[in-house]
C-alpha atoms as a PDB file:
ATOM      1  CA  MET A   1      15.699 -11.344   1.504  1.00  0.00           C
ATOM      2  CA  THR A   2      12.807 -13.059  -0.275  1.00  0.00           C
ATOM      3  CA  GLU A   3      10.866 -15.485   1.884  1.00  0.00           C
ATOM      4  CA  ARG A   4       9.800 -18.827   0.468  1.00  0.00           C
ATOM      5  CA  VAL A   5       6.031 -18.919   0.270  1.00  0.00           C
ATOM      6  CA  ASP A   6       3.860 -21.514  -1.348  1.00  0.00           C
ATOM      7  CA  GLU A   7       0.459 -21.147  -2.999  1.00  0.00           C
ATOM      8  CA  ILE A   8      -1.409 -21.651   0.281  1.00  0.00           C
ATOM      9  CA  ASP A   9       0.640 -18.895   1.943  1.00  0.00           C
ATOM     10  CA  ARG A  10      -0.216 -16.637  -1.005  1.00  0.00           C
ATOM     11  CA  ILE A  11      -3.928 -17.389  -0.617  1.00  0.00           C
ATOM     12  CA  ILE A  12      -3.762 -16.566   3.102  1.00  0.00           C
ATOM     13  CA  ILE A  13      -1.899 -13.321   2.390  1.00  0.00           C
ATOM     14  CA  ASP A  14      -4.354 -12.376  -0.398  1.00  0.00           C
ATOM     15  CA  LEU A  15      -7.329 -12.854   1.900  1.00  0.00           C
ATOM     16  CA  LEU A  16      -5.721 -10.928   4.764  1.00  0.00           C
ATOM     17  CA  MET A  17      -4.796  -8.062   2.451  1.00  0.00           C
ATOM     18  CA  ARG A  18      -8.483  -7.788   1.542  1.00  0.00           C
ATOM     19  CA  ASP A  19      -9.689  -8.244   5.117  1.00  0.00           C
ATOM     20  CA  GLY A  20      -7.141  -8.032   7.917  1.00  0.00           C
ATOM     21  CA  ARG A  21      -9.800  -9.272  10.328  1.00  0.00           C
ATOM     22  CA  ALA A  22     -10.575 -12.468   8.401  1.00  0.00           C
ATOM     23  CA  ARG A  23     -11.355 -15.318  10.749  1.00  0.00           C
ATOM     24  CA  LEU A  24      -9.226 -18.447  10.864  1.00  0.00           C
ATOM     25  CA  ALA A  25     -12.251 -20.505   9.809  1.00  0.00           C
ATOM     26  CA  ALA A  26     -12.648 -18.431   6.627  1.00  0.00           C
ATOM     27  CA  LEU A  27      -8.939 -18.793   5.852  1.00  0.00           C
ATOM     28  CA  ALA A  28      -9.194 -22.536   6.475  1.00  0.00           C
ATOM     29  CA  ASP A  29     -12.187 -22.838   4.124  1.00  0.00           C
ATOM     30  CA  ALA A  30     -10.364 -20.927   1.384  1.00  0.00           C
ATOM     31  CA  THR A  31      -7.186 -22.994   1.679  1.00  0.00           C
ATOM     32  CA  GLY A  32      -8.654 -26.394   2.437  1.00  0.00           C
ATOM     33  CA  LEU A  33      -6.568 -26.647   5.612  1.00  0.00           C
ATOM     34  CA  SER A  34      -7.642 -27.042   9.215  1.00  0.00           C
ATOM     35  CA  THR A  35      -7.862 -23.914  11.352  1.00  0.00           C
ATOM     36  CA  SER A  36      -4.870 -25.089  13.402  1.00  0.00           C
ATOM     37  CA  ALA A  37      -2.762 -25.543  10.240  1.00  0.00           C
ATOM     38  CA  VAL A  38      -3.764 -22.055   9.065  1.00  0.00           C
ATOM     39  CA  GLN A  39      -2.923 -20.642  12.489  1.00  0.00           C
ATOM     40  CA  LEU A  40       0.559 -22.214  12.342  1.00  0.00           C
ATOM     41  CA  ARG A  41       1.147 -20.765   8.874  1.00  0.00           C
ATOM     42  CA  LEU A  42      -0.098 -17.368  10.009  1.00  0.00           C
ATOM     43  CA  ARG A  43       2.254 -17.376  13.009  1.00  0.00           C
ATOM     44  CA  ARG A  44       5.162 -18.296  10.700  1.00  0.00           C
ATOM     45  CA  LEU A  45       4.268 -15.521   8.242  1.00  0.00           C
ATOM     46  CA  GLU A  46       4.175 -13.044  11.136  1.00  0.00           C
ATOM     47  CA  SER A  47       7.339 -14.286  12.885  1.00  0.00           C
ATOM     48  CA  THR A  48       9.388 -14.177   9.670  1.00  0.00           C
ATOM     49  CA  GLY A  49       8.227 -10.607   9.082  1.00  0.00           C
ATOM     50  CA  LEU A  50       6.360 -11.339   5.873  1.00  0.00           C
ATOM     51  CA  ILE A  51       3.172 -10.093   7.521  1.00  0.00           C
ATOM     52  CA  THR A  52       4.245  -6.976   9.399  1.00  0.00           C
ATOM     53  CA  GLY A  53       0.959  -5.950  10.982  1.00  0.00           C
ATOM     54  CA  TYR A  54      -2.719  -5.161  10.632  1.00  0.00           C
ATOM     55  CA  GLN A  55      -4.322  -1.744  10.542  1.00  0.00           C
ATOM     56  CA  ALA A  56      -7.645   0.028  10.253  1.00  0.00           C
ATOM     57  CA  ARG A  57      -8.505   2.132   7.215  1.00  0.00           C
ATOM     58  CA  VAL A  58      -9.714   5.526   8.360  1.00  0.00           C
ATOM     59  CA  ASP A  59     -12.034   8.113   6.800  1.00  0.00           C
ATOM     60  CA  TYR A  60      -9.795  11.176   7.076  1.00  0.00           C
ATOM     61  CA  ASP A  61     -12.593  13.519   5.950  1.00  0.00           C
ATOM     62  CA  ARG A  62     -14.546  12.587   9.073  1.00  0.00           C
ATOM     63  CA  LEU A  63     -11.425  13.196  11.167  1.00  0.00           C
ATOM     64  CA  GLY A  64     -11.168  16.740   9.837  1.00  0.00           C
ATOM     65  CA  ARG A  65      -8.232  16.094   7.503  1.00  0.00           C
ATOM     66  CA  SER A  66      -9.912  16.383   4.125  1.00  0.00           C
ATOM     67  CA  LEU A  67      -7.010  17.885   2.162  1.00  0.00           C
ATOM     68  CA  THR A  68      -4.477  15.377   0.857  1.00  0.00           C
ATOM     69  CA  ALA A  69      -1.298  16.420  -0.932  1.00  0.00           C
ATOM     70  CA  LEU A  70       2.048  15.202  -2.170  1.00  0.00           C
ATOM     71  CA  ILE A  71       4.974  17.461  -1.338  1.00  0.00           C
ATOM     72  CA  GLU A  72       8.267  16.976  -3.155  1.00  0.00           C
ATOM     73  CA  ILE A  73      11.232  18.179  -1.119  1.00  0.00           C
ATOM     74  CA  THR A  74      14.758  18.961  -2.285  1.00  0.00           C
ATOM     75  CA  PRO A  75      17.627  20.158  -0.068  1.00  0.00           C
ATOM     76  CA  VAL A  76      18.433  23.858  -0.393  1.00  0.00           C
ATOM     77  CA  ASP A  77      22.123  22.946  -0.043  1.00  0.00           C
ATOM     78  CA  PRO A  78      22.944  19.495  -1.484  1.00  0.00           C
ATOM     79  CA  GLY A  79      26.273  19.645   0.375  1.00  0.00           C
ATOM     80  CA  GLN A  80      24.502  19.393   3.743  1.00  0.00           C
ATOM     81  CA  PRO A  81      23.703  16.004   5.359  1.00  0.00           C
ATOM     82  CA  ASP A  82      20.673  14.211   3.926  1.00  0.00           C
ATOM     83  CA  ASP A  83      18.698  14.088   7.178  1.00  0.00           C
ATOM     84  CA  ALA A  84      15.298  15.425   6.097  1.00  0.00           C
ATOM     85  CA  PRO A  85      13.360  12.308   7.206  1.00  0.00           C
ATOM     86  CA  GLU A  86      14.796  12.558  10.721  1.00  0.00           C
ATOM     87  CA  ARG A  87      14.069  16.288  10.861  1.00  0.00           C
ATOM     88  CA  LEU A  88      10.467  15.798   9.683  1.00  0.00           C
ATOM     89  CA  HIS A  89       9.497  12.607  11.502  1.00  0.00           C
ATOM     90  CA  HIS A  90       7.771  14.534  14.309  1.00  0.00           C
ATOM     91  CA  VAL A  91       5.902  17.027  12.086  1.00  0.00           C
ATOM     92  CA  GLU A  92       2.124  16.662  12.405  1.00  0.00           C
ATOM     93  CA  GLY A  93       0.298  16.060   9.117  1.00  0.00           C
ATOM     94  CA  ILE A  94       3.017  14.069   7.353  1.00  0.00           C
ATOM     95  CA  VAL A  95       1.683  10.544   6.865  1.00  0.00           C
ATOM     96  CA  SER A  96       4.523   9.029   4.807  1.00  0.00           C
ATOM     97  CA  CYS A  97       7.956   9.973   3.494  1.00  0.00           C
ATOM     98  CA  TYR A  98       9.288   8.285   0.345  1.00  0.00           C
ATOM     99  CA  SER A  99      12.871   8.477  -0.918  1.00  0.00           C
ATOM    100  CA  VAL A 100      12.589   8.877  -4.697  1.00  0.00           C
ATOM    101  CA  ALA A 101      14.669   9.016  -7.851  1.00  0.00           C
ATOM    102  CA  GLY A 102      14.316  12.168  -9.924  1.00  0.00           C
ATOM    103  CA  ALA A 103      14.554  15.893  -9.332  1.00  0.00           C
ATOM    104  CA  ALA A 104      13.274  15.701  -5.745  1.00  0.00           C
ATOM    105  CA  SER A 105      14.952  13.783  -2.939  1.00  0.00           C
ATOM    106  CA  TYR A 106      11.757  12.806  -1.123  1.00  0.00           C
ATOM    107  CA  VAL A 107       8.001  12.873  -1.604  1.00  0.00           C
ATOM    108  CA  LEU A 108       5.836  13.460   1.458  1.00  0.00           C
ATOM    109  CA  PHE A 109       2.252  12.212   1.604  1.00  0.00           C
ATOM    110  CA  VAL A 110       0.317  14.617   3.832  1.00  0.00           C
ATOM    111  CA  ARG A 111      -3.217  14.992   5.201  1.00  0.00           C
ATOM    112  CA  VAL A 112      -4.371  18.285   6.712  1.00  0.00           C
ATOM    113  CA  ALA A 113      -7.602  20.149   7.459  1.00  0.00           C
ATOM    114  CA  GLY A 114      -7.475  22.589   4.542  1.00  0.00           C
ATOM    115  CA  PRO A 115      -5.445  25.115   2.529  1.00  0.00           C
ATOM    116  CA  ASP A 116      -4.415  27.185   5.564  1.00  0.00           C
ATOM    117  CA  ALA A 117      -3.157  24.092   7.372  1.00  0.00           C
ATOM    118  CA  LEU A 118      -1.303  22.999   4.223  1.00  0.00           C
ATOM    119  CA  GLU A 119       0.387  26.385   3.961  1.00  0.00           C
ATOM    120  CA  GLN A 120       1.476  26.161   7.612  1.00  0.00           C
ATOM    121  CA  LEU A 121       2.729  22.602   7.097  1.00  0.00           C
ATOM    122  CA  ILE A 122       4.796  23.616   4.054  1.00  0.00           C
ATOM    123  CA  GLY A 123       6.358  26.438   6.081  1.00  0.00           C
ATOM    124  CA  SER A 124       7.160  24.033   8.894  1.00  0.00           C
ATOM    125  CA  ILE A 125       8.716  21.535   6.465  1.00  0.00           C
ATOM    126  CA  ARG A 126      10.901  24.235   4.904  1.00  0.00           C
ATOM    127  CA  LEU A 127      11.989  25.499   8.317  1.00  0.00           C
ATOM    128  CA  HIS A 128      12.770  22.122   9.912  1.00  0.00           C
ATOM    129  CA  ALA A 129      14.464  20.423   6.950  1.00  0.00           C
ATOM    130  CA  ARG A 130      16.016  23.345   5.011  1.00  0.00           C
ATOM    131  CA  VAL A 131      14.400  22.233   1.743  1.00  0.00           C
ATOM    132  CA  THR A 132      12.543  23.645  -1.219  1.00  0.00           C
ATOM    133  CA  THR A 133       9.085  22.234  -1.857  1.00  0.00           C
ATOM    134  CA  ARG A 134       6.773  21.516  -4.763  1.00  0.00           C
ATOM    135  CA  THR A 135       3.206  20.631  -3.804  1.00  0.00           C
ATOM    136  CA  THR A 136       0.501  18.717  -5.646  1.00  0.00           C
ATOM    137  CA  ILE A 137      -2.982  18.716  -4.110  1.00  0.00           C
ATOM    138  CA  ILE A 138      -4.944  15.508  -4.615  1.00  0.00           C
ATOM    139  CA  LEU A 139      -8.442  16.276  -5.906  1.00  0.00           C
ATOM    140  CA  SER A 140      -9.898  12.775  -5.674  1.00  0.00           C
ATOM    141  CA  THR A 141      -8.796   9.192  -5.150  1.00  0.00           C
ATOM    142  CA  PRO A 142     -10.307   6.847  -7.754  1.00  0.00           C
ATOM    143  CA  PHE A 143      -8.734   3.892  -5.933  1.00  0.00           C
ATOM    144  CA  GLU A 144      -6.460   3.364  -2.966  1.00  0.00           C
ATOM    145  CA  HIS A 145      -4.963   0.333  -1.249  1.00  0.00           C
ATOM    146  CA  ARG A 146      -5.149  -1.604  -4.496  1.00  0.00           C
ATOM    147  CA  HIS A 147      -4.796  -5.297  -3.829  1.00  0.00           C
ATOM    148  CA  GLU A 148      -2.525  -7.101  -6.270  1.00  0.00           C
ATOM    149  CA  GLN A 149      -3.403 -10.774  -6.195  1.00  0.00           C
ATOM    150  CA  LEU A 150      -0.459 -12.949  -5.171  1.00  0.00           C
ATOM    151  CA  ALA A 151      -2.058 -16.377  -5.471  1.00  0.00           C
ATOM    152  CA  ALA A 152      -2.219 -18.074  -8.862  1.00  0.00           C
ATOM    153  CA  THR A 153      -5.839 -19.016  -8.247  1.00  0.00           C
ATOM    154  CA  PRO A 154      -8.566 -16.480  -7.467  1.00  0.00           C
ATOM    155  CA  THR A 155      -9.556 -16.389  -3.801  1.00  0.00           C
ATOM    156  CA  GLY A 156     -12.656 -15.156  -2.066  1.00  0.00           C
ATOM    157  CA  ALA A 157     -14.859 -15.483  -5.156  1.00  0.00           C
ATOM    158  CA  GLN A 158     -18.585 -15.838  -4.673  1.00  0.00           C
ATOM    159  CA  PRO A 159     -20.185 -19.016  -6.038  1.00  0.00           C
ATOM    160  CA  MET A 160     -21.678 -18.535  -9.491  1.00  0.00           C
ATOM    161  CA  THR A 161     -25.375 -19.285  -9.764  1.00  0.00           C
ATOM    162  CA  ASP A 162     -25.933 -18.516 -13.443  1.00  0.00           C
ATOM    163  CA  THR A 163     -22.922 -19.751 -15.379  1.00  0.00           C
ATOM    164  CA  ALA A 164     -24.563 -18.968 -18.712  1.00  0.00           C
ATOM    165  CA  THR A 165     -24.315 -15.211 -18.118  1.00  0.00           C
ATOM    166  CA  ILE A 166     -20.936 -15.068 -16.418  1.00  0.00           C
ATOM    167  CA  ALA A 167     -17.729 -15.872 -18.272  1.00  0.00           C
ATOM    168  CA  PRO A 168     -15.311 -18.072 -16.344  1.00  0.00           C
ATOM    169  CA  ALA A 169     -12.297 -16.310 -14.852  1.00  0.00           C
ATOM    170  CA  THR A 170      -8.966 -16.992 -16.479  1.00  0.00           C
ATOM    171  CA  ILE A 171      -5.481 -16.360 -15.280  1.00  0.00           C
ATOM    172  CA  ALA A 172      -2.937 -15.384 -17.888  1.00  0.00           C
ATOM    173  CA  PRO A 173       0.430 -17.105 -17.565  1.00  0.00           C
ATOM    174  CA  ALA A 174       3.281 -14.897 -16.409  1.00  0.00           C
ATOM    175  CA  THR A 175       5.656 -13.821 -19.135  1.00  0.00           C
ATOM    176  CA  THR A 176       9.195 -12.570 -19.037  1.00  0.00           C
ATOM    177  CA  ASP A 177       9.482 -12.053 -22.787  1.00  0.00           C
ATOM    178  CA  PRO A 178      10.320  -8.340 -23.234  1.00  0.00           C
ATOM    179  CA  ALA A 179       8.586  -8.334 -26.607  1.00  0.00           C
ATOM    180  CA  THR A 180       5.234  -9.125 -24.983  1.00  0.00           C
ATOM    181  CA  THR A 181       5.539  -7.480 -21.572  1.00  0.00           C
ATOM    182  CA  ASP A 182       3.938  -4.139 -22.507  1.00  0.00           C
ATOM    183  CA  LYS A 183       1.312  -5.514 -24.882  1.00  0.00           C
ATOM    184  CA  GLU A 184      -2.382  -5.654 -24.095  1.00  0.00           C
ATOM    185  CA  PRO A 185      -3.894  -9.136 -23.616  1.00  0.00           C
ATOM    186  CA  GLN A 186      -5.274 -10.630 -26.819  1.00  0.00           C
END
């Protein structure tokens, strides 16, 4: 079900997606509301399940899990029950499990210490879930946790001091015309 959210809700969500620890006063300044009004909106967004939680971003290299990989899994016997997620939920090193369309049934996002640990994890996955695997090791992450702006107006922008050297930001109108959807902006 899609929740009804207005532009102010979108601004609050945008700011919290950038900084989950944003203070109510900062959210109030960005929205033009009082802190109590922002707090009420925030409670509503949480109670309706639109905001599901807050979490820390962790440096996995410093935790000793520097190897990241994607493992595609496919059942050895498609006639058997599709219970791989339940069978793998407890396996250490698996961060996420995605049900996908395509040749594989699921893609696992994993973080382990190194190649030996990855090899052990793959063996454990095959044993527990009776699947074949195809592994892709991630060499680098150019970006992660990309924030897609929800609000129609930019939020959190720094005040411009030299407007002669900085072009004003523009927001392109949304289009649903299939002829223009895949085209680059003019």
